[in-house]
C-alpha atoms as a PDB file:
ATOM      1  CA  UNK A   1       9.342   9.075 -13.107  1.00  0.00           C
ATOM      2  CA  UNK A   2       9.999  11.837 -10.811  1.00  0.00           C
ATOM      3  CA  UNK A   3       8.239  11.684  -7.364  1.00  0.00           C
ATOM      4  CA  UNK A   4       6.008  14.768  -8.221  1.00  0.00           C
ATOM      5  CA  UNK A   5       4.660  12.672 -11.395  1.00  0.00           C
ATOM      6  CA  UNK A   6       4.421   9.491  -9.151  1.00  0.00           C
ATOM      7  CA  UNK A   7       2.523  11.212  -6.495  1.00  0.00           C
ATOM      8  CA  UNK A   8       0.167  12.920  -9.068  1.00  0.00           C
ATOM      9  CA  UNK A   9      -0.700   9.580 -10.463  1.00  0.00           C
ATOM     10  CA  UNK A  10      -1.260   8.070  -7.033  1.00  0.00           C
ATOM     11  CA  UNK A  11      -3.612  10.812  -6.177  1.00  0.00           C
ATOM     12  CA  UNK A  12      -5.735  10.784  -9.255  1.00  0.00           C
ATOM     13  CA  UNK A  13      -6.020   6.950  -8.835  1.00  0.00           C
ATOM     14  CA  UNK A  14      -7.059   6.881  -5.353  1.00  0.00           C
ATOM     15  CA  UNK A  15      -9.490   9.600  -6.032  1.00  0.00           C
ATOM     16  CA  UNK A  16     -11.041   7.519  -8.915  1.00  0.00           C
ATOM     17  CA  UNK A  17     -11.037   4.452  -6.745  1.00  0.00           C
ATOM     18  CA  UNK A  18     -12.873   6.338  -3.747  1.00  0.00           C
ATOM     19  CA  UNK A  19     -15.470   7.842  -6.277  1.00  0.00           C
ATOM     20  CA  UNK A  20     -16.115   4.487  -7.567  1.00  0.00           C
ATOM     21  CA  UNK A  21     -16.432   2.932  -4.163  1.00  0.00           C
ATOM     22  CA  UNK A  22     -18.549   5.703  -2.878  1.00  0.00           C
ATOM     23  CA  UNK A  23     -21.021   5.789  -5.712  1.00  0.00           C
ATOM     24  CA  UNK A  24     -21.580   2.088  -6.138  1.00  0.00           C
ATOM     25  CA  UNK A  25     -23.915  -0.124  -4.125  1.00  0.00           C
ATOM     26  CA  UNK A  26     -23.019  -0.543  -0.712  1.00  0.00           C
ATOM     27  CA  UNK A  27     -22.361  -4.395  -1.125  1.00  0.00           C
ATOM     28  CA  UNK A  28     -19.635  -3.537  -3.671  1.00  0.00           C
ATOM     29  CA  UNK A  29     -17.855  -1.339  -1.024  1.00  0.00           C
ATOM     30  CA  UNK A  30     -14.554  -3.085   0.398  1.00  0.00           C
ATOM     31  CA  UNK A  31     -14.462  -3.485   4.101  1.00  0.00           C
ATOM     32  CA  UNK A  32     -11.142  -3.654   5.969  1.00  0.00           C
ATOM     33  CA  UNK A  33     -12.502  -4.462   9.654  1.00  0.00           C
ATOM     34  CA  UNK A  34     -11.596  -0.923  10.905  1.00  0.00           C
ATOM     35  CA  UNK A  35     -14.326   1.447  11.884  1.00  0.00           C
ATOM     36  CA  UNK A  36     -15.953   3.076   8.858  1.00  0.00           C
ATOM     37  CA  UNK A  37     -15.091   6.504  10.004  1.00  0.00           C
ATOM     38  CA  UNK A  38     -11.500   5.396  10.227  1.00  0.00           C
ATOM     39  CA  UNK A  39     -11.560   4.100   6.724  1.00  0.00           C
ATOM     40  CA  UNK A  40     -12.976   7.125   5.490  1.00  0.00           C
ATOM     41  CA  UNK A  41     -10.398   9.206   7.406  1.00  0.00           C
ATOM     42  CA  UNK A  42      -7.507   7.343   6.337  1.00  0.00           C
ATOM     43  CA  UNK A  43      -8.557   7.244   2.694  1.00  0.00           C
ATOM     44  CA  UNK A  44      -9.022  10.895   2.393  1.00  0.00           C
ATOM     45  CA  UNK A  45      -5.696  11.586   4.263  1.00  0.00           C
ATOM     46  CA  UNK A  46      -3.884   9.333   1.795  1.00  0.00           C
ATOM     47  CA  UNK A  47      -5.521  11.406  -1.010  1.00  0.00           C
ATOM     48  CA  UNK A  48      -4.754  14.871   0.721  1.00  0.00           C
ATOM     49  CA  UNK A  49      -1.200  13.737   1.218  1.00  0.00           C
ATOM     50  CA  UNK A  50      -0.715  12.329  -2.432  1.00  0.00           C
ATOM     51  CA  UNK A  51      -2.243  15.695  -3.998  1.00  0.00           C
ATOM     52  CA  UNK A  52       0.015  17.807  -2.001  1.00  0.00           C
ATOM     53  CA  UNK A  53       3.182  15.865  -2.725  1.00  0.00           C
ATOM     54  CA  UNK A  54       2.315  15.870  -6.466  1.00  0.00           C
ATOM     55  CA  UNK A  55       1.253  19.498  -6.491  1.00  0.00           C
ATOM     56  CA  UNK A  56       3.444  21.321  -3.948  1.00  0.00           C
ATOM     57  CA  UNK A  57       2.901  24.793  -5.343  1.00  0.00           C
ATOM     58  CA  UNK A  58      -0.908  24.678  -5.360  1.00  0.00           C
ATOM     59  CA  UNK A  59      -1.723  23.511  -1.753  1.00  0.00           C
ATOM     60  CA  UNK A  60      -4.399  25.900  -1.281  1.00  0.00           C
ATOM     61  CA  UNK A  61      -6.165  25.119  -4.531  1.00  0.00           C
ATOM     62  CA  UNK A  62      -5.993  21.439  -3.730  1.00  0.00           C
ATOM     63  CA  UNK A  63      -7.529  22.022  -0.331  1.00  0.00           C
ATOM     64  CA  UNK A  64     -10.423  23.644  -1.879  1.00  0.00           C
ATOM     65  CA  UNK A  65     -10.790  20.979  -4.494  1.00  0.00           C
ATOM     66  CA  UNK A  66     -10.713  18.330  -2.092  1.00  0.00           C
ATOM     67  CA  UNK A  67     -13.278  19.670   0.354  1.00  0.00           C
ATOM     68  CA  UNK A  68     -15.552  20.334  -2.795  1.00  0.00           C
ATOM     69  CA  UNK A  69     -15.027  16.819  -3.851  1.00  0.00           C
ATOM     70  CA  UNK A  70     -16.055  15.635  -0.460  1.00  0.00           C
ATOM     71  CA  UNK A  71     -19.246  17.604  -0.588  1.00  0.00           C
ATOM     72  CA  UNK A  72     -19.953  16.445  -4.273  1.00  0.00           C
ATOM     73  CA  UNK A  73     -19.460  12.774  -3.223  1.00  0.00           C
ATOM     74  CA  UNK A  74     -21.538  13.063  -0.131  1.00  0.00           C
ATOM     75  CA  UNK A  75     -24.420  14.801  -2.150  1.00  0.00           C
ATOM     76  CA  UNK A  76     -23.974  12.235  -5.101  1.00  0.00           C
ATOM     77  CA  UNK A  77     -24.519   9.369  -2.722  1.00  0.00           C
ATOM     78  CA  UNK A  78     -27.913  10.406  -2.176  1.00  0.00           C
ATOM     79  CA  UNK A  79     -28.583   9.495  -5.888  1.00  0.00           C
ATOM     80  CA  UNK A  80     -27.431   5.716  -5.471  1.00  0.00           C
ATOM     81  CA  UNK A  81     -29.999   3.374  -4.444  1.00  0.00           C
ATOM     82  CA  UNK A  82     -29.270   2.342  -0.637  1.00  0.00           C
ATOM     83  CA  UNK A  83     -26.461   4.783  -0.119  1.00  0.00           C
ATOM     84  CA  UNK A  84     -26.878   8.008   1.853  1.00  0.00           C
ATOM     85  CA  UNK A  85     -24.512  11.066   2.296  1.00  0.00           C
ATOM     86  CA  UNK A  86     -24.418  12.793   5.790  1.00  0.00           C
ATOM     87  CA  UNK A  87     -22.923  15.778   6.851  1.00  0.00           C
ATOM     88  CA  UNK A  88     -20.746  14.079   9.701  1.00  0.00           C
ATOM     89  CA  UNK A  89     -19.394  11.586   7.184  1.00  0.00           C
ATOM     90  CA  UNK A  90     -18.121  14.633   4.954  1.00  0.00           C
ATOM     91  CA  UNK A  91     -16.596  16.113   7.946  1.00  0.00           C
ATOM     92  CA  UNK A  92     -14.406  12.992   8.605  1.00  0.00           C
ATOM     93  CA  UNK A  93     -13.575  12.920   5.067  1.00  0.00           C
ATOM     94  CA  UNK A  94     -12.583  16.558   4.900  1.00  0.00           C
ATOM     95  CA  UNK A  95     -10.660  16.339   8.086  1.00  0.00           C
ATOM     96  CA  UNK A  96      -8.518  13.377   6.726  1.00  0.00           C
ATOM     97  CA  UNK A  97      -7.851  15.320   3.601  1.00  0.00           C
ATOM     98  CA  UNK A  98      -6.790  18.190   5.374  1.00  0.00           C
ATOM     99  CA  UNK A  99      -4.628  16.309   7.669  1.00  0.00           C
ATOM    100  CA  UNK A 100      -3.016  14.448   4.930  1.00  0.00           C
ATOM    101  CA  UNK A 101      -2.354  17.693   3.320  1.00  0.00           C
ATOM    102  CA  UNK A 102      -0.731  18.978   6.566  1.00  0.00           C
ATOM    103  CA  UNK A 103       1.387  16.115   7.052  1.00  0.00           C
ATOM    104  CA  UNK A 104       2.603  16.116   3.327  1.00  0.00           C
ATOM    105  CA  UNK A 105       3.508  19.969   3.832  1.00  0.00           C
ATOM    106  CA  UNK A 106       5.240  19.199   7.163  1.00  0.00           C
ATOM    107  CA  UNK A 107       7.314  16.547   5.432  1.00  0.00           C
ATOM    108  CA  UNK A 108       8.326  18.543   2.467  1.00  0.00           C
ATOM    109  CA  UNK A 109       9.219  21.632   4.577  1.00  0.00           C
ATOM    110  CA  UNK A 110      11.154  19.545   7.015  1.00  0.00           C
ATOM    111  CA  UNK A 111      13.212  17.908   4.058  1.00  0.00           C
ATOM    112  CA  UNK A 112      13.991  21.366   2.947  1.00  0.00           C
ATOM    113  CA  UNK A 113      15.268  22.413   6.363  1.00  0.00           C
ATOM    114  CA  UNK A 114      17.446  19.469   6.708  1.00  0.00           C
END
């Protein structure tokens, strides 16, 4: 399996997991002990990095896709009893996705220069 294929699998599996945990009742959400904002930020940073490593020629499209997914998940949470979507939560998630993508871009460009 090539690294691109590996990161594509990781990206889609992480996205699936986040969607499931976001759209299920709050009691089923895993808790790490870290602040909720840090959990959200880290999860989407991992997704952003994985997508950009898996699809390096489509970074801009990926960023648009991820911000759209964040918005969709925040709105969809309002349809789940006991859950709520808020703009500040979405901003934390989108920031994580963007920083993860930037980190992946930095790492891949640095490898090409070396």
